[in-house]
């Protein structure tokens, strides 16, 4: 028999008073929309039996919101999964009254990304974005801010001071964890390769620097090679990995700080029959990465918690749109990442 979920438990989990939960449940006094939605989301997550009443009694306030999300690489299973998590979060936190508008940008030219941000941002009330940190992108964020469309960075931060902040995992910690895995699994002697999608992704840059720093400190026998840029493209990653294997006979480890090129890296390791003697750490648990873990080609996957990231992003954007809300800028919203091996997928 499941334990009974009390109002006190909901209040504690949502970070509000029991009186606030009672007002949401019984419509006794007005409650700020963002607070009411947080209480309802918490009650739903805990399995509270009367959560449907809370939704029914939530007053209709203002127009429905359109939240835009500008993501990368429409062909990427990771970004497709993130898009669905964002749609679910918007529906869940708004009680179905708001909508998510998803756009994918396959062309990674900064000017193209900036133009797409402006186009999407002006169609929506607020915008979440995954993008390169580049002046074209930051100019678009600044302009949208002046036009009343708040922008939140997702996964990787931007330099625009007008952004709401960034929802991401701790990229420094993730890079050091990758270094720990390579150090422990490789034997501690030999060459190590590193991949980035682009040097302009702040999150990848931080992970790469942390990876290098940790190995420099803890594994002097491991020589980290110059970073390879693969644009998170499978074919580019495949060719770059083949080149590394051919040029470096002592290659014992690889770290893909991006995630999008790991399929190509895995293909190269399999073709060269090096999957068992080169340690591979990559990001994001896609179906292909899961197979790589199971056959031993991938050793560790460091995963972004998509549901938690999406819930946090939607909550921040909805709060920024509340009447009279003075949004804080450049706030970090840091989430713990998940770690997978062949034993826990």
Protein backbone atom coordinates (compact mmCIF):
# COMPACT_ATOMS: atom_id res chain seq x y z
CA UNK A 1 0.00 0.00 0.00
CA UNK A 2 1.43 3.40 -1.01
CA UNK A 3 1.96 5.92 1.81
CA UNK A 4 -0.51 8.81 1.88
CA UNK A 5 0.85 12.04 0.41
CA UNK A 6 0.13 14.93 2.76
CA UNK A 7 -0.14 18.65 2.18
CA UNK A 8 2.88 19.04 4.45
CA UNK A 9 4.95 16.75 2.19
CA UNK A 10 3.93 18.72 -0.91
CA UNK A 11 4.77 22.02 0.80
CA UNK A 12 8.21 20.79 1.83
CA UNK A 13 9.05 19.40 -1.62
CA UNK A 14 7.80 22.55 -3.40
CA UNK A 15 9.53 24.93 -0.98
CA UNK A 16 6.34 26.73 0.07
CA UNK A 17 4.14 26.90 3.17
CA UNK A 18 1.28 24.50 3.89
CA UNK A 19 -1.05 27.51 3.69
CA UNK A 20 0.04 28.11 0.11
CA UNK A 21 -0.67 24.49 -0.83
CA UNK A 22 -4.09 24.78 0.82
CA UNK A 23 -4.87 27.94 -1.16
CA UNK A 24 -3.93 26.23 -4.43
CA UNK A 25 -6.05 23.18 -3.56
CA UNK A 26 -9.11 25.10 -2.38
CA UNK A 27 -8.82 28.44 -4.27
CA UNK A 28 -9.11 30.32 -0.97
CA UNK A 29 -6.89 33.29 -1.85
CA UNK A 30 -4.91 34.31 -4.95
CA UNK A 31 -1.54 32.61 -5.45
CA UNK A 32 1.07 33.72 -7.99
CA UNK A 33 0.77 31.63 -11.12
CA UNK A 34 4.38 30.44 -11.05
CA UNK A 35 4.03 29.35 -7.42
CA UNK A 36 0.71 27.60 -8.10
CA UNK A 37 2.18 25.73 -11.06
CA UNK A 38 5.18 24.65 -8.98
CA UNK A 39 2.87 23.29 -6.27
CA UNK A 40 0.79 21.40 -8.85
CA UNK A 41 3.88 19.97 -10.55
CA UNK A 42 5.24 18.81 -7.17
CA UNK A 43 1.92 17.25 -6.17
CA UNK A 44 1.78 15.41 -9.48
CA UNK A 45 5.34 14.13 -9.08
CA UNK A 46 4.62 12.87 -5.56
CA UNK A 47 1.42 11.14 -6.68
CA UNK A 48 -1.04 13.27 -4.71
CA UNK A 49 -4.56 11.95 -5.24
CA UNK A 50 -6.24 15.37 -5.65
CA UNK A 51 -3.85 16.92 -8.12
CA UNK A 52 -6.61 17.03 -10.76
CA UNK A 53 -8.61 19.32 -8.46
CA UNK A 54 -5.67 21.67 -8.18
CA UNK A 55 -5.50 21.94 -11.97
CA UNK A 56 -9.25 22.49 -12.28
CA UNK A 57 -9.19 25.25 -9.66
CA UNK A 58 -6.18 27.06 -11.06
CA UNK A 59 -7.57 30.39 -12.28
CA UNK A 60 -7.15 31.26 -15.91
CA UNK A 61 -4.79 34.23 -15.81
CA UNK A 62 -3.77 36.12 -18.91
CA UNK A 63 -3.06 34.81 -22.35
CA UNK A 64 -1.48 31.45 -23.00
CA UNK A 65 2.29 31.62 -23.31
CA UNK A 66 4.36 30.59 -26.31
CA UNK A 67 7.77 29.36 -25.25
CA UNK A 68 10.28 28.97 -28.05
CA UNK A 69 13.25 26.62 -27.99
CA UNK A 70 16.04 26.91 -30.54
CA UNK A 71 18.04 23.68 -30.62
CA UNK A 72 20.80 22.27 -32.82
CA UNK A 73 20.98 19.37 -35.30
CA UNK A 74 17.51 18.08 -36.16
CA UNK A 75 19.06 14.70 -37.03
CA UNK A 76 20.48 14.27 -33.52
CA UNK A 77 18.63 11.74 -31.30
CA UNK A 78 19.75 13.76 -28.27
CA UNK A 79 18.17 17.00 -29.50
CA UNK A 80 15.02 15.17 -30.55
CA UNK A 81 14.75 13.73 -27.02
CA UNK A 82 15.39 17.19 -25.52
CA UNK A 83 12.68 18.68 -27.74
CA UNK A 84 10.13 16.16 -26.49
CA UNK A 85 11.16 16.71 -22.86
CA UNK A 86 10.65 20.46 -23.33
CA UNK A 87 7.20 19.96 -24.89
CA UNK A 88 6.22 17.72 -21.98
CA UNK A 89 7.52 20.22 -19.42
CA UNK A 90 5.57 23.11 -20.96
CA UNK A 91 2.35 21.08 -21.02
CA UNK A 92 2.88 19.84 -17.47
CA UNK A 93 3.77 23.16 -15.86
CA UNK A 94 1.15 25.24 -17.64
CA UNK A 95 -1.69 22.76 -17.29
CA UNK A 96 -1.84 22.56 -21.08
CA UNK A 97 -2.49 26.30 -21.51
CA UNK A 98 0.91 27.20 -22.97
CA UNK A 99 2.69 25.80 -26.00
CA UNK A 100 6.26 24.93 -26.94
CA UNK A 101 7.58 26.04 -30.33
CA UNK A 102 10.65 23.98 -31.28
CA UNK A 103 13.10 25.01 -34.00
CA UNK A 104 16.25 23.17 -35.04
CA UNK A 105 19.25 24.92 -36.59
CA UNK A 106 21.38 22.59 -38.72
CA UNK A 107 23.61 25.36 -40.09
CA UNK A 108 26.08 26.26 -37.34
CA UNK A 109 27.20 29.53 -38.92
CA UNK A 110 26.87 32.13 -36.12
CA UNK A 111 25.13 34.66 -38.37
CA UNK A 112 22.54 32.04 -39.35
CA UNK A 113 21.95 31.13 -35.72
CA UNK A 114 21.54 34.80 -34.77
CA UNK A 115 18.97 35.34 -37.54
CA UNK A 116 17.04 32.24 -36.49
CA UNK A 117 17.02 33.38 -32.86
CA UNK A 118 15.51 36.72 -33.81
CA UNK A 119 12.90 35.09 -36.04
CA UNK A 120 11.83 32.54 -33.43
CA UNK A 121 12.14 34.88 -30.45
CA UNK A 122 9.80 37.43 -32.00
CA UNK A 123 7.19 34.73 -32.55
CA UNK A 124 7.26 33.70 -28.88
CA UNK A 125 6.98 35.25 -25.44
CA UNK A 126 10.31 33.84 -24.23
CA UNK A 127 13.10 31.74 -25.67
CA UNK A 128 15.43 28.94 -24.58
CA UNK A 129 18.47 28.42 -26.79
CA UNK A 130 21.40 26.08 -27.39
CA UNK A 131 23.99 28.02 -29.36
CA UNK A 132 27.61 28.90 -29.95
CA UNK A 133 28.96 31.74 -27.86
CA UNK A 134 29.53 34.27 -30.62
CA UNK A 135 28.91 38.04 -31.07
CA UNK A 136 26.17 37.38 -33.67
CA UNK A 137 24.32 35.17 -31.18
CA UNK A 138 24.84 37.52 -28.24
CA UNK A 139 23.66 40.52 -30.28
CA UNK A 140 20.43 38.65 -31.05
CA UNK A 141 19.93 37.88 -27.35
CA UNK A 142 20.46 41.54 -26.44
CA UNK A 143 18.01 42.74 -29.09
CA UNK A 144 15.33 40.26 -28.04
CA UNK A 145 15.77 41.43 -24.45
CA UNK A 146 15.15 45.06 -25.41
CA UNK A 147 12.03 43.95 -27.31
CA UNK A 148 10.65 42.18 -24.23
CA UNK A 149 11.49 38.56 -25.11
CA UNK A 150 13.63 37.06 -22.32
CA UNK A 151 16.24 34.49 -23.41
CA UNK A 152 17.62 31.58 -21.40
CA UNK A 153 20.73 29.61 -22.42
CA UNK A 154 20.42 25.82 -22.36
CA UNK A 155 23.26 23.28 -21.94
CA UNK A 156 26.02 25.80 -22.73
CA UNK A 157 26.29 29.40 -21.59
CA UNK A 158 26.45 32.60 -23.61
CA UNK A 159 28.31 35.86 -22.94
CA UNK A 160 25.29 38.16 -23.44
CA UNK A 161 24.75 39.88 -20.08
CA UNK A 162 21.03 40.26 -20.85
CA UNK A 163 20.36 36.49 -20.78
CA UNK A 164 18.29 35.14 -17.90
CA UNK A 165 21.05 32.64 -17.14
CA UNK A 166 22.00 29.14 -18.17
CA UNK A 167 20.45 25.78 -17.28
CA UNK A 168 23.13 23.12 -17.57
CA UNK A 169 25.05 20.45 -15.77
CA UNK A 170 28.40 21.15 -14.04
CA UNK A 171 30.67 20.96 -17.09
CA UNK A 172 33.86 21.28 -15.07
CA UNK A 173 32.85 18.35 -12.91
CA UNK A 174 31.87 16.35 -15.99
CA UNK A 175 35.26 16.92 -17.61
CA UNK A 176 37.10 15.86 -14.46
CA UNK A 177 34.90 12.76 -14.17
CA UNK A 178 35.81 11.82 -17.75
CA UNK A 179 39.48 12.25 -16.84
CA UNK A 180 39.02 10.01 -13.79
CA UNK A 181 37.52 7.28 -15.97
CA UNK A 182 40.30 7.46 -18.58
CA UNK A 183 42.98 7.48 -15.91
CA UNK A 184 41.57 4.49 -14.05
CA UNK A 185 40.67 2.37 -17.10
CA UNK A 186 43.63 3.06 -19.39
CA UNK A 187 46.51 2.09 -17.12
CA UNK A 188 47.76 5.69 -16.93
CA UNK A 189 50.35 5.64 -19.74
CA UNK A 190 49.94 6.69 -23.39
CA UNK A 191 48.21 9.26 -25.61
CA UNK A 192 44.66 10.56 -25.16
CA UNK A 193 42.52 12.26 -27.80
CA UNK A 194 39.83 14.88 -27.19
CA UNK A 195 36.93 15.92 -29.45
CA UNK A 196 34.87 19.11 -29.36
CA UNK A 197 31.95 20.06 -31.56
CA UNK A 198 33.24 23.64 -31.74
CA UNK A 199 35.61 25.75 -29.69
CA UNK A 200 32.75 28.25 -29.30
CA UNK A 201 30.56 26.08 -27.08
CA UNK A 202 31.33 27.27 -23.56
CA UNK A 203 30.18 24.02 -21.97
CA UNK A 204 32.46 21.90 -24.16
CA UNK A 205 35.35 24.29 -23.65
CA UNK A 206 35.01 24.02 -19.88
CA UNK A 207 34.74 20.22 -20.00
CA UNK A 208 37.83 19.97 -22.20
CA UNK A 209 39.87 22.27 -19.95
CA UNK A 210 38.80 20.39 -16.83
CA UNK A 211 39.66 17.07 -18.49
CA UNK A 212 43.15 18.27 -19.38
CA UNK A 213 43.70 19.84 -15.97
CA UNK A 214 42.70 16.69 -14.10
CA UNK A 215 44.98 14.44 -16.17
CA UNK A 216 47.86 16.90 -15.91
CA UNK A 217 47.45 16.84 -12.14
CA UNK A 218 46.76 13.15 -11.58
CA UNK A 219 48.17 11.22 -14.55
CA UNK A 220 51.54 12.58 -15.78
CA UNK A 221 51.96 9.43 -17.88
CA UNK A 222 49.01 10.38 -20.10
CA UNK A 223 49.67 12.90 -22.88
CA UNK A 224 46.54 14.75 -24.01
CA UNK A 225 46.69 15.56 -27.72
CA UNK A 226 45.39 18.69 -29.45
CA UNK A 227 41.60 18.83 -29.56
CA UNK A 228 39.87 17.61 -32.72
CA UNK A 229 36.87 19.64 -33.97
CA UNK A 230 34.17 17.37 -35.42
CA UNK A 231 31.15 19.76 -35.58
CA UNK A 232 29.23 16.89 -33.93
CA UNK A 233 29.20 15.24 -37.35
CA UNK A 234 29.45 11.44 -37.57
CA UNK A 235 31.59 11.33 -40.71
CA UNK A 236 34.00 14.02 -39.53
CA UNK A 237 34.38 12.23 -36.19
CA UNK A 238 34.98 8.91 -37.99
CA UNK A 239 37.73 10.34 -40.18
CA UNK A 240 39.36 12.23 -37.31
CA UNK A 241 39.41 9.09 -35.16
CA UNK A 242 41.01 7.05 -37.94
CA UNK A 243 43.67 9.73 -38.25
CA UNK A 244 44.37 9.66 -34.52
CA UNK A 245 44.70 5.86 -34.54
CA UNK A 246 47.08 5.94 -37.49
CA UNK A 247 49.28 8.74 -36.15
CA UNK A 248 49.39 7.67 -32.51
CA UNK A 249 50.30 4.03 -31.89
CA UNK A 250 50.15 4.63 -28.15
CA UNK A 251 46.56 5.95 -28.15
CA UNK A 252 44.86 4.59 -25.01
CA UNK A 253 41.92 6.95 -24.46
CA UNK A 254 39.37 9.21 -26.17
CA UNK A 255 37.00 11.80 -24.73
CA UNK A 256 34.17 13.23 -26.84
CA UNK A 257 33.10 16.35 -24.94
CA UNK A 258 30.33 17.04 -27.46
CA UNK A 259 28.42 13.77 -27.85
CA UNK A 260 27.16 14.23 -31.40
CA UNK A 261 30.18 12.63 -33.05
CA UNK A 262 30.46 9.56 -30.84
CA UNK A 263 28.78 7.30 -33.42
CA UNK A 264 31.59 8.05 -35.86
CA UNK A 265 34.22 7.48 -33.17
CA UNK A 266 32.68 4.12 -32.32
CA UNK A 267 32.58 3.13 -35.99
CA UNK A 268 36.28 3.90 -36.40
CA UNK A 269 37.25 1.95 -33.26
CA UNK A 270 35.26 -1.05 -34.46
CA UNK A 271 36.75 -0.98 -37.96
CA UNK A 272 40.27 -0.80 -36.57
CA UNK A 273 39.44 -3.41 -33.91
CA UNK A 274 40.56 -1.03 -31.17
CA UNK A 275 37.33 -0.90 -29.18
CA UNK A 276 38.69 -3.09 -26.39
CA UNK A 277 42.03 -1.34 -25.82
CA UNK A 278 41.06 2.36 -26.23
CA UNK A 279 38.98 3.82 -23.41
CA UNK A 280 36.10 5.94 -24.75
CA UNK A 281 34.11 8.39 -22.64
CA UNK A 282 31.31 10.36 -24.30
CA UNK A 283 28.23 12.41 -23.51
CA UNK A 284 24.50 11.64 -23.75
CA UNK A 285 22.84 8.23 -23.62
CA UNK A 286 21.29 7.76 -27.07
CA UNK A 287 20.24 4.38 -28.45
CA UNK A 288 23.51 4.12 -30.41
CA UNK A 289 25.58 4.99 -27.35
CA UNK A 290 23.71 2.37 -25.35
CA UNK A 291 24.73 -0.28 -27.90
CA UNK A 292 28.30 0.98 -27.70
CA UNK A 293 28.26 0.49 -23.95
CA UNK A 294 26.85 -3.00 -24.25
CA UNK A 295 29.45 -4.20 -26.77
CA UNK A 296 32.32 -2.60 -24.85
CA UNK A 297 33.33 0.05 -27.39
CA UNK A 298 32.14 2.86 -25.10
CA UNK A 299 33.21 2.64 -21.47
CA UNK A 300 31.36 5.54 -19.83
CA UNK A 301 28.52 7.85 -20.86
CA UNK A 302 27.92 11.11 -18.94
CA UNK A 303 24.28 12.06 -19.42
CA UNK A 304 22.40 15.35 -19.11
CA UNK A 305 19.17 14.82 -17.07
CA UNK A 306 16.70 15.91 -19.75
CA UNK A 307 13.54 15.97 -17.63
CA UNK A 308 15.14 17.99 -14.83
CA UNK A 309 16.77 20.37 -17.30
CA UNK A 310 13.52 20.91 -19.19
CA UNK A 311 11.46 21.42 -16.04
CA UNK A 312 13.96 23.97 -14.74
CA UNK A 313 14.11 25.83 -18.06
CA UNK A 314 10.33 26.06 -18.40
CA UNK A 315 9.94 27.18 -14.78
CA UNK A 316 12.52 29.96 -15.23
CA UNK A 317 10.94 31.17 -18.48
CA UNK A 318 7.39 31.17 -17.08
CA UNK A 319 8.49 33.04 -13.96
CA UNK A 320 10.26 35.65 -16.09
CA UNK A 321 6.95 36.31 -17.86
CA UNK A 322 4.87 36.82 -14.72
CA UNK A 323 3.37 40.33 -14.40
CA UNK A 324 5.61 42.60 -12.39
CA UNK A 325 8.42 40.06 -12.34
CA UNK A 326 11.89 41.56 -12.27
CA UNK A 327 14.04 38.83 -13.77
CA UNK A 328 17.56 38.33 -12.52
CA UNK A 329 20.18 38.06 -15.22
CA UNK A 330 23.04 35.62 -15.81
CA UNK A 331 22.00 33.22 -13.07
CA UNK A 332 23.43 29.68 -13.20
CA UNK A 333 20.99 26.79 -12.80
CA UNK A 334 23.33 23.83 -12.37
CA UNK A 335 22.02 20.26 -12.34
CA UNK A 336 23.81 16.98 -11.48
CA UNK A 337 24.66 14.76 -14.44
CA UNK A 338 24.15 10.99 -14.66
CA UNK A 339 26.84 8.36 -15.28
CA UNK A 340 26.27 5.15 -17.22
CA UNK A 341 28.40 2.06 -17.88
CA UNK A 342 27.50 -1.31 -19.40
CA UNK A 343 26.28 -2.39 -15.97
CA UNK A 344 23.51 0.18 -15.44
CA UNK A 345 22.02 0.92 -18.86
